Amino acid sequence: MSKTAFMIAASFLAILSTNLPAWASSDDAKWIKQCVDDNKDQGAKPEVIAAYCSCMNGKMSSNETQSISEWEKTHVAERKACDKESGWR
């Protein structure tokens, strides 16, 4: 792994760990990480993406089987609320 790739990965983990709610499980962290990966090329700052994904994860049922990126397509009100809360757009 290059030094740059390592720094990006380390930064991501630091951001993700500070934006997870206290109740977040390892399963939540997995879904949030996938959401962050899905959205990393959308032009938002990493901390904004992590906040958005954490917000969306919090709005989803713990029994949900869709990824955050799939779920957000059919839950516009929740997406808009998390856009506002995270500072996205």
PDB file of N, CA and C in Angstrom:
ATOM      1  N   MET A   1       0.854  -1.162   0.000  1.00  0.00           N
ATOM      2  CA  MET A   1       0.000   0.000   0.000  1.00  0.00           C
ATOM      3  C   MET A   1       0.907   1.234   0.000  1.00  0.00           C
ATOM      4  N   SER A   2       0.606   2.165  -0.867  1.00  0.00           N
ATOM      5  CA  SER A   2       1.414   3.381  -0.941  1.00  0.00           C
ATOM      6  C   SER A   2       1.148   4.258   0.277  1.00  0.00           C
ATOM      7  N   LYS A   3       2.033   5.194   0.516  1.00  0.00           N
ATOM      8  CA  LYS A   3       1.884   6.098   1.648  1.00  0.00           C
ATOM      9  C   LYS A   3       0.603   6.925   1.507  1.00  0.00           C
ATOM     10  N   THR A   4       0.300   7.367   0.305  1.00  0.00           N
ATOM     11  CA  THR A   4      -0.908   8.152   0.066  1.00  0.00           C
ATOM     12  C   THR A   4      -2.159   7.333   0.345  1.00  0.00           C
ATOM     13  N   ALA A   5      -2.190   6.106  -0.166  1.00  0.00           N
ATOM     14  CA  ALA A   5      -3.342   5.235   0.056  1.00  0.00           C
ATOM     15  C   ALA A   5      -3.512   4.956   1.546  1.00  0.00           C
ATOM     16  N   PHE A   6      -2.399   4.751   2.238  1.00  0.00           N
ATOM     17  CA  PHE A   6      -2.463   4.509   3.674  1.00  0.00           C
ATOM     18  C   PHE A   6      -3.034   5.715   4.409  1.00  0.00           C
ATOM     19  N   MET A   7      -2.599   6.911   4.037  1.00  0.00           N
ATOM     20  CA  MET A   7      -3.083   8.134   4.683  1.00  0.00           C
ATOM     21  C   MET A   7      -4.578   8.336   4.431  1.00  0.00           C
ATOM     22  N   ILE A   8      -5.026   8.033   3.227  1.00  0.00           N
ATOM     23  CA  ILE A   8      -6.448   8.155   2.909  1.00  0.00           C
ATOM     24  C   ILE A   8      -7.248   7.166   3.752  1.00  0.00           C
ATOM     25  N   ALA A   9      -6.774   5.932   3.819  1.00  0.00           N
ATOM     26  CA  ALA A   9      -7.466   4.909   4.605  1.00  0.00           C
ATOM     27  C   ALA A   9      -7.491   5.286   6.086  1.00  0.00           C
ATOM     28  N   ALA A  10      -6.379   5.773   6.601  1.00  0.00           N
ATOM     29  CA  ALA A  10      -6.317   6.173   8.002  1.00  0.00           C
ATOM     30  C   ALA A  10      -7.254   7.343   8.292  1.00  0.00           C
ATOM     31  N   SER A  11      -7.295   8.302   7.377  1.00  0.00           N
ATOM     32  CA  SER A  11      -8.192   9.450   7.536  1.00  0.00           C
ATOM     33  C   SER A  11      -9.642   8.997   7.526  1.00  0.00           C
ATOM     34  N   PHE A  12      -9.974   8.107   6.602  1.00  0.00           N
ATOM     35  CA  PHE A  12     -11.339   7.588   6.520  1.00  0.00           C
ATOM     36  C   PHE A  12     -11.736   6.917   7.822  1.00  0.00           C
ATOM     37  N   LEU A  13     -10.876   6.076   8.354  1.00  0.00           N
ATOM     38  CA  LEU A  13     -11.194   5.360   9.589  1.00  0.00           C
ATOM     39  C   LEU A  13     -11.365   6.320  10.764  1.00  0.00           C
ATOM     40  N   ALA A  14     -10.547   7.358  10.806  1.00  0.00           N
ATOM     41  CA  ALA A  14     -10.674   8.348  11.880  1.00  0.00           C
ATOM     42  C   ALA A  14     -11.994   9.092  11.773  1.00  0.00           C
ATOM     43  N   ILE A  15     -12.357   9.487  10.572  1.00  0.00           N
ATOM     44  CA  ILE A  15     -13.624  10.198  10.356  1.00  0.00           C
ATOM     45  C   ILE A  15     -14.791   9.292  10.695  1.00  0.00           C
ATOM     46  N   LEU A  16     -14.756   8.077  10.202  1.00  0.00           N
ATOM     47  CA  LEU A  16     -15.846   7.139  10.437  1.00  0.00           C
ATOM     48  C   LEU A  16     -16.009   6.863  11.927  1.00  0.00           C
ATOM     49  N   SER A  17     -14.921   6.677  12.630  1.00  0.00           N
ATOM     50  CA  SER A  17     -15.014   6.342  14.046  1.00  0.00           C
ATOM     51  C   SER A  17     -15.556   7.499  14.869  1.00  0.00           C
ATOM     52  N   THR A  18     -15.323   8.729  14.453  1.00  0.00           N
ATOM     53  CA  THR A  18     -15.832   9.871  15.214  1.00  0.00           C
ATOM     54  C   THR A  18     -17.267  10.204  14.851  1.00  0.00           C
ATOM     55  N   ASN A  19     -17.795   9.675  13.768  1.00  0.00           N
ATOM     56  CA  ASN A  19     -19.149   9.983  13.344  1.00  0.00           C
ATOM     57  C   ASN A  19     -20.148   8.862  13.631  1.00  0.00           C
ATOM     58  N   LEU A  20     -19.689   7.763  14.190  1.00  0.00           N
ATOM     59  CA  LEU A  20     -20.611   6.680  14.532  1.00  0.00           C
ATOM     60  C   LEU A  20     -21.274   6.977  15.867  1.00  0.00           C
ATOM     61  N   PRO A  21     -22.582   6.856  15.932  1.00  0.00           N
ATOM     62  CA  PRO A  21     -23.257   7.037  17.218  1.00  0.00           C
ATOM     63  C   PRO A  21     -22.805   5.966  18.205  1.00  0.00           C
ATOM     64  N   ALA A  22     -22.984   6.241  19.491  1.00  0.00           N
ATOM     65  CA  ALA A  22     -22.553   5.299  20.532  1.00  0.00           C
ATOM     66  C   ALA A  22     -23.240   3.948  20.391  1.00  0.00           C
ATOM     67  N   TRP A  23     -24.464   3.926  19.852  1.00  0.00           N
ATOM     68  CA  TRP A  23     -25.219   2.679  19.740  1.00  0.00           C
ATOM     69  C   TRP A  23     -24.853   1.862  18.505  1.00  0.00           C
ATOM     70  N   ALA A  24     -24.029   2.408  17.637  1.00  0.00           N
ATOM     71  CA  ALA A  24     -23.721   1.744  16.369  1.00  0.00           C
ATOM     72  C   ALA A  24     -22.979   0.431  16.607  1.00  0.00           C
ATOM     73  N   SER A  25     -23.435  -0.597  15.915  1.00  0.00           N
ATOM     74  CA  SER A  25     -22.814  -1.917  16.019  1.00  0.00           C
ATOM     75  C   SER A  25     -21.771  -2.092  14.924  1.00  0.00           C
ATOM     76  N   SER A  26     -21.085  -3.211  14.952  1.00  0.00           N
ATOM     77  CA  SER A  26     -20.128  -3.496  13.884  1.00  0.00           C
ATOM     78  C   SER A  26     -20.851  -3.673  12.558  1.00  0.00           C
ATOM     79  N   ASP A  27     -22.103  -4.165  12.609  1.00  0.00           N
ATOM     80  CA  ASP A  27     -22.899  -4.279  11.389  1.00  0.00           C
ATOM     81  C   ASP A  27     -23.216  -2.892  10.841  1.00  0.00           C
ATOM     82  N   ASP A  28     -23.554  -1.944  11.723  1.00  0.00           N
ATOM     83  CA  ASP A  28     -23.793  -0.561  11.301  1.00  0.00           C
ATOM     84  C   ASP A  28     -22.539   0.005  10.641  1.00  0.00           C
ATOM     85  N   ALA A  29     -21.392  -0.236  11.263  1.00  0.00           N
ATOM     86  CA  ALA A  29     -20.132   0.280  10.723  1.00  0.00           C
ATOM     87  C   ALA A  29     -19.875  -0.274   9.327  1.00  0.00           C
ATOM     88  N   LYS A  30     -20.210  -1.534   9.108  1.00  0.00           N
ATOM     89  CA  LYS A  30     -20.031  -2.161   7.790  1.00  0.00           C
ATOM     90  C   LYS A  30     -20.897  -1.457   6.752  1.00  0.00           C
ATOM     91  N   TRP A  31     -22.169  -1.218   7.088  1.00  0.00           N
ATOM     92  CA  TRP A  31     -23.082  -0.557   6.148  1.00  0.00           C
ATOM     93  C   TRP A  31     -22.669   0.888   5.896  1.00  0.00           C
ATOM     94  N   ILE A  32     -22.246   1.580   6.952  1.00  0.00           N
ATOM     95  CA  ILE A  32     -21.816   2.972   6.799  1.00  0.00           C
ATOM     96  C   ILE A  32     -20.565   3.043   5.939  1.00  0.00           C
ATOM     97  N   LYS A  33     -19.624   2.143   6.150  1.00  0.00           N
ATOM     98  CA  LYS A  33     -18.411   2.121   5.330  1.00  0.00           C
ATOM     99  C   LYS A  33     -18.758   1.896   3.867  1.00  0.00           C
ATOM    100  N   GLN A  34     -19.686   0.972   3.603  1.00  0.00           N
ATOM    101  CA  GLN A  34     -20.094   0.720   2.213  1.00  0.00           C
ATOM    102  C   GLN A  34     -20.718   1.968   1.601  1.00  0.00           C
ATOM    103  N   CYS A  35     -21.550   2.657   2.357  1.00  0.00           N
ATOM    104  CA  CYS A  35     -22.173   3.898   1.887  1.00  0.00           C
ATOM    105  C   CYS A  35     -21.108   4.946   1.579  1.00  0.00           C
ATOM    106  N   VAL A  36     -20.137   5.087   2.465  1.00  0.00           N
ATOM    107  CA  VAL A  36     -19.048   6.050   2.240  1.00  0.00           C
ATOM    108  C   VAL A  36     -18.297   5.685   0.965  1.00  0.00           C
ATOM    109  N   ASP A  37     -17.994   4.407   0.794  1.00  0.00           N
ATOM    110  CA  ASP A  37     -17.310   3.953  -0.428  1.00  0.00           C
ATOM    111  C   ASP A  37     -18.156   4.247  -1.669  1.00  0.00           C
ATOM    112  N   ASP A  38     -19.477   4.028  -1.563  1.00  0.00           N
ATOM    113  CA  ASP A  38     -20.379   4.270  -2.698  1.00  0.00           C
ATOM    114  C   ASP A  38     -20.441   5.743  -3.079  1.00  0.00           C
ATOM    115  N   ASN A  39     -20.206   6.634  -2.115  1.00  0.00           N
ATOM    116  CA  ASN A  39     -20.387   8.067  -2.343  1.00  0.00           C
ATOM    117  C   ASN A  39     -19.094   8.874  -2.410  1.00  0.00           C
ATOM    118  N   LYS A  40     -17.958   8.221  -2.330  1.00  0.00           N
ATOM    119  CA  LYS A  40     -16.693   8.958  -2.257  1.00  0.00           C
ATOM    120  C   LYS A  40     -16.392   9.801  -3.488  1.00  0.00           C
ATOM    121  N   ASP A  41     -17.001   9.503  -4.618  1.00  0.00           N
ATOM    122  CA  ASP A  41     -16.745  10.260  -5.841  1.00  0.00           C
ATOM    123  C   ASP A  41     -17.826  11.296  -6.137  1.00  0.00           C
ATOM    124  N   GLN A  42     -18.631  11.640  -5.136  1.00  0.00           N
ATOM    125  CA  GLN A  42     -19.743  12.564  -5.345  1.00  0.00           C
ATOM    126  C   GLN A  42     -19.381  14.022  -5.096  1.00  0.00           C
ATOM    127  N   GLY A  43     -18.135  14.294  -4.737  1.00  0.00           N
ATOM    128  CA  GLY A  43     -17.680  15.670  -4.587  1.00  0.00           C
ATOM    129  C   GLY A  43     -17.811  16.260  -3.193  1.00  0.00           C
ATOM    130  N   ALA A  44     -18.359  15.520  -2.257  1.00  0.00           N
ATOM    131  CA  ALA A  44     -18.483  16.021  -0.887  1.00  0.00           C
ATOM    132  C   ALA A  44     -17.233  15.670  -0.083  1.00  0.00           C
ATOM    133  N   LYS A  45     -16.990  16.424   0.979  1.00  0.00           N
ATOM    134  CA  LYS A  45     -15.857  16.142   1.860  1.00  0.00           C
ATOM    135  C   LYS A  45     -16.101  14.824   2.585  1.00  0.00           C
ATOM    136  N   PRO A  46     -15.041  14.092   2.899  1.00  0.00           N
ATOM    137  CA  PRO A  46     -15.196  12.792   3.577  1.00  0.00           C
ATOM    138  C   PRO A  46     -16.002  12.870   4.869  1.00  0.00           C
ATOM    139  N   GLU A  47     -15.817  13.926   5.652  1.00  0.00           N
ATOM    140  CA  GLU A  47     -16.557  14.022   6.910  1.00  0.00           C
ATOM    141  C   GLU A  47     -18.053  14.257   6.667  1.00  0.00           C
ATOM    142  N   VAL A  48     -18.387  14.936   5.572  1.00  0.00           N
ATOM    143  CA  VAL A  48     -19.791  15.147   5.211  1.00  0.00           C
ATOM    144  C   VAL A  48     -20.415  13.820   4.772  1.00  0.00           C
ATOM    145  N   ILE A  49     -19.675  13.065   3.966  1.00  0.00           N
ATOM    146  CA  ILE A  49     -20.171  11.760   3.513  1.00  0.00           C
ATOM    147  C   ILE A  49     -20.383  10.834   4.707  1.00  0.00           C
ATOM    148  N   ALA A  50     -19.421  10.800   5.619  1.00  0.00           N
ATOM    149  CA  ALA A  50     -19.545   9.936   6.799  1.00  0.00           C
ATOM    150  C   ALA A  50     -20.742  10.343   7.649  1.00  0.00           C
ATOM    151  N   ALA A  51     -20.971  11.649   7.822  1.00  0.00           N
ATOM    152  CA  ALA A  51     -22.123  12.125   8.597  1.00  0.00           C
ATOM    153  C   ALA A  51     -23.429  11.758   7.897  1.00  0.00           C
ATOM    154  N   TYR A  52     -23.466  11.916   6.579  1.00  0.00           N
ATOM    155  CA  TYR A  52     -24.661  11.567   5.805  1.00  0.00           C
ATOM    156  C   TYR A  52     -24.969  10.074   5.942  1.00  0.00           C
ATOM    157  N   CYS A  53     -23.961   9.246   5.750  1.00  0.00           N
ATOM    158  CA  CYS A  53     -24.166   7.800   5.807  1.00  0.00           C
ATOM    159  C   CYS A  53     -24.579   7.347   7.199  1.00  0.00           C
ATOM    160  N   SER A  54     -24.006   7.949   8.225  1.00  0.00           N
ATOM    161  CA  SER A  54     -24.380   7.621   9.594  1.00  0.00           C
ATOM    162  C   SER A  54     -25.831   8.023   9.861  1.00  0.00           C
ATOM    163  N   CYS A  55     -26.217   9.190   9.370  1.00  0.00           N
ATOM    164  CA  CYS A  55     -27.601   9.657   9.511  1.00  0.00           C
ATOM    165  C   CYS A  55     -28.562   8.697   8.819  1.00  0.00           C
ATOM    166  N   MET A  56     -28.255   8.337   7.584  1.00  0.00           N
ATOM    167  CA  MET A  56     -29.127   7.421   6.839  1.00  0.00           C
ATOM    168  C   MET A  56     -29.227   6.079   7.546  1.00  0.00           C
ATOM    169  N   ASN A  57     -28.111   5.585   8.036  1.00  0.00           N
ATOM    170  CA  ASN A  57     -28.111   4.307   8.753  1.00  0.00           C
ATOM    171  C   ASN A  57     -29.018   4.390   9.980  1.00  0.00           C
ATOM    172  N   GLY A  58     -28.993   5.519  10.663  1.00  0.00           N
ATOM    173  CA  GLY A  58     -29.821   5.705  11.837  1.00  0.00           C
ATOM    174  C   GLY A  58     -31.309   5.732  11.531  1.00  0.00           C
ATOM    175  N   LYS A  59     -31.670   6.118  10.324  1.00  0.00           N
ATOM    176  CA  LYS A  59     -33.075   6.185   9.934  1.00  0.00           C
ATOM    177  C   LYS A  59     -33.616   4.834   9.454  1.00  0.00           C
ATOM    178  N   MET A  60     -32.724   3.920   9.169  1.00  0.00           N
ATOM    179  CA  MET A  60     -33.136   2.613   8.660  1.00  0.00           C
ATOM    180  C   MET A  60     -33.464   1.653   9.803  1.00  0.00           C
ATOM    181  N   SER A  61     -34.368   0.736   9.532  1.00  0.00           N
ATOM    182  CA  SER A  61     -34.695  -0.322  10.481  1.00  0.00           C
ATOM    183  C   SER A  61     -33.485  -1.242  10.646  1.00  0.00           C
ATOM    184  N   SER A  62     -33.327  -1.786  11.831  1.00  0.00           N
ATOM    185  CA  SER A  62     -32.218  -2.729  12.042  1.00  0.00           C
ATOM    186  C   SER A  62     -32.444  -4.037  11.290  1.00  0.00           C
ATOM    187  N   ASN A  63     -33.655  -4.245  10.787  1.00  0.00           N
ATOM    188  CA  ASN A  63     -33.969  -5.444  10.009  1.00  0.00           C
ATOM    189  C   ASN A  63     -33.829  -5.233   8.508  1.00  0.00           C
ATOM    190  N   GLU A  64     -33.440  -4.035   8.100  1.00  0.00           N
ATOM    191  CA  GLU A  64     -33.329  -3.722   6.667  1.00  0.00           C
ATOM    192  C   GLU A  64     -32.230  -4.565   6.029  1.00  0.00           C
ATOM    193  N   THR A  65     -32.515  -5.070   4.841  1.00  0.00           N
ATOM    194  CA  THR A  65     -31.524  -5.886   4.129  1.00  0.00           C
ATOM    195  C   THR A  65     -30.874  -5.144   2.972  1.00  0.00           C
ATOM    196  N   GLN A  66     -31.446  -4.015   2.577  1.00  0.00           N
ATOM    197  CA  GLN A  66     -30.839  -3.228   1.496  1.00  0.00           C
ATOM    198  C   GLN A  66     -29.667  -2.433   2.040  1.00  0.00           C
ATOM    199  N   SER A  67     -28.734  -2.115   1.150  1.00  0.00           N
ATOM    200  CA  SER A  67     -27.645  -1.214   1.533  1.00  0.00           C
ATOM    201  C   SER A  67     -28.222   0.186   1.683  1.00  0.00           C
ATOM    202  N   ILE A  68     -27.481   1.059   2.330  1.00  0.00           N
ATOM    203  CA  ILE A  68     -27.911   2.445   2.471  1.00  0.00           C
ATOM    204  C   ILE A  68     -28.109   3.069   1.097  1.00  0.00           C
ATOM    205  N   SER A  69     -27.198   2.792   0.177  1.00  0.00           N
ATOM    206  CA  SER A  69     -27.276   3.364  -1.172  1.00  0.00           C
ATOM    207  C   SER A  69     -28.513   2.885  -1.926  1.00  0.00           C
ATOM    208  N   GLU A  70     -28.946   1.664  -1.671  1.00  0.00           N
ATOM    209  CA  GLU A  70     -30.179   1.164  -2.295  1.00  0.00           C
ATOM    210  C   GLU A  70     -31.402   1.765  -1.615  1.00  0.00           C
ATOM    211  N   TRP A  71     -31.380   1.806  -0.300  1.00  0.00           N
ATOM    212  CA  TRP A  71     -32.511   2.266   0.488  1.00  0.00           C
ATOM    213  C   TRP A  71     -32.817   3.738   0.248  1.00  0.00           C
ATOM    214  N   GLU A  72     -31.766   4.550   0.086  1.00  0.00           N
ATOM    215  CA  GLU A  72     -31.970   5.988  -0.069  1.00  0.00           C
ATOM    216  C   GLU A  72     -32.749   6.333  -1.344  1.00  0.00           C
ATOM    217  N   LYS A  73     -32.709   5.472  -2.333  1.00  0.00           N
ATOM    218  CA  LYS A  73     -33.410   5.731  -3.597  1.00  0.00           C
ATOM    219  C   LYS A  73     -34.926   5.735  -3.425  1.00  0.00           C
ATOM    220  N   THR A  74     -35.429   5.006  -2.443  1.00  0.00           N
ATOM    221  CA  THR A  74     -36.872   4.918  -2.230  1.00  0.00           C
ATOM    222  C   THR A  74     -37.330   5.661  -0.973  1.00  0.00           C
ATOM    223  N   HIS A  75     -36.426   6.347  -0.311  1.00  0.00           N
ATOM    224  CA  HIS A  75     -36.747   7.071   0.917  1.00  0.00           C
ATOM    225  C   HIS A  75     -36.258   8.521   0.788  1.00  0.00           C
ATOM    226  N   VAL A  76     -36.950   9.262  -0.054  1.00  0.00           N
ATOM    227  CA  VAL A  76     -36.545  10.629  -0.400  1.00  0.00           C
ATOM    228  C   VAL A  76     -36.577  11.559   0.805  1.00  0.00           C
ATOM    229  N   ALA A  77     -37.612  11.475   1.626  1.00  0.00           N
ATOM    230  CA  ALA A  77     -37.710  12.367   2.787  1.00  0.00           C
ATOM    231  C   ALA A  77     -36.524  12.166   3.733  1.00  0.00           C
ATOM    232  N   GLU A  78     -36.164  10.921   3.976  1.00  0.00           N
ATOM    233  CA  GLU A  78     -35.032  10.615   4.854  1.00  0.00           C
ATOM    234  C   GLU A  78     -33.727  11.115   4.227  1.00  0.00           C
ATOM    235  N   ARG A  79     -33.586  10.927   2.924  1.00  0.00           N
ATOM    236  CA  ARG A  79     -32.382  11.382   2.226  1.00  0.00           C
ATOM    237  C   ARG A  79     -32.245  12.898   2.340  1.00  0.00           C
ATOM    238  N   LYS A  80     -33.336  13.618   2.130  1.00  0.00           N
ATOM    239  CA  LYS A  80     -33.301  15.081   2.224  1.00  0.00           C
ATOM    240  C   LYS A  80     -32.967  15.539   3.641  1.00  0.00           C
ATOM    241  N   ALA A  81     -33.517  14.858   4.635  1.00  0.00           N
ATOM    242  CA  ALA A  81     -33.218  15.206   6.028  1.00  0.00           C
ATOM    243  C   ALA A  81     -31.741  14.996   6.337  1.00  0.00           C
ATOM    244  N   CYS A  82     -31.188  13.895   5.847  1.00  0.00           N
ATOM    245  CA  CYS A  82     -29.771  13.619   6.101  1.00  0.00           C
ATOM    246  C   CYS A  82     -28.860  14.535   5.268  1.00  0.00           C
ATOM    247  N   ASP A  83     -29.299  14.925   4.078  1.00  0.00           N
ATOM    248  CA  ASP A  83     -28.549  15.912   3.304  1.00  0.00           C
ATOM    249  C   ASP A  83     -28.390  17.181   4.133  1.00  0.00           C
ATOM    250  N   LYS A  84     -29.492  17.638   4.706  1.00  0.00           N
ATOM    251  CA  LYS A  84     -29.491  18.865   5.480  1.00  0.00           C
ATOM    252  C   LYS A  84     -28.657  18.715   6.757  1.00  0.00           C
ATOM    253  N   GLU A  85     -28.875  17.607   7.464  1.00  0.00           N
ATOM    254  CA  GLU A  85     -28.170  17.373   8.717  1.00  0.00           C
ATOM    255  C   GLU A  85     -26.651  17.272   8.534  1.00  0.00           C
ATOM    256  N   SER A  86     -26.229  16.647   7.443  1.00  0.00           N
ATOM    257  CA  SER A  86     -24.796  16.433   7.216  1.00  0.00           C
ATOM    258  C   SER A  86     -24.109  17.606   6.530  1.00  0.00           C
ATOM    259  N   GLY A  87     -24.909  18.517   5.965  1.00  0.00           N
ATOM    260  CA  GLY A  87     -24.330  19.639   5.224  1.00  0.00           C
ATOM    261  C   GLY A  87     -24.028  19.318   3.773  1.00  0.00           C
ATOM    262  N   TRP A  88     -24.615  18.235   3.279  1.00  0.00           N
ATOM    263  CA  TRP A  88     -24.389  17.831   1.894  1.00  0.00           C
ATOM    264  C   TRP A  88     -25.245  18.700   0.979  1.00  0.00           C
ATOM    265  N   ARG A  89     -24.672  19.153  -0.120  1.00  0.00           N
ATOM    266  CA  ARG A  89     -25.325  19.925  -1.178  1.00  0.00           C
ATOM    267  C   ARG A  89     -25.724  21.266  -0.747  1.00  0.00           C
TER     268      ARG A  89
END
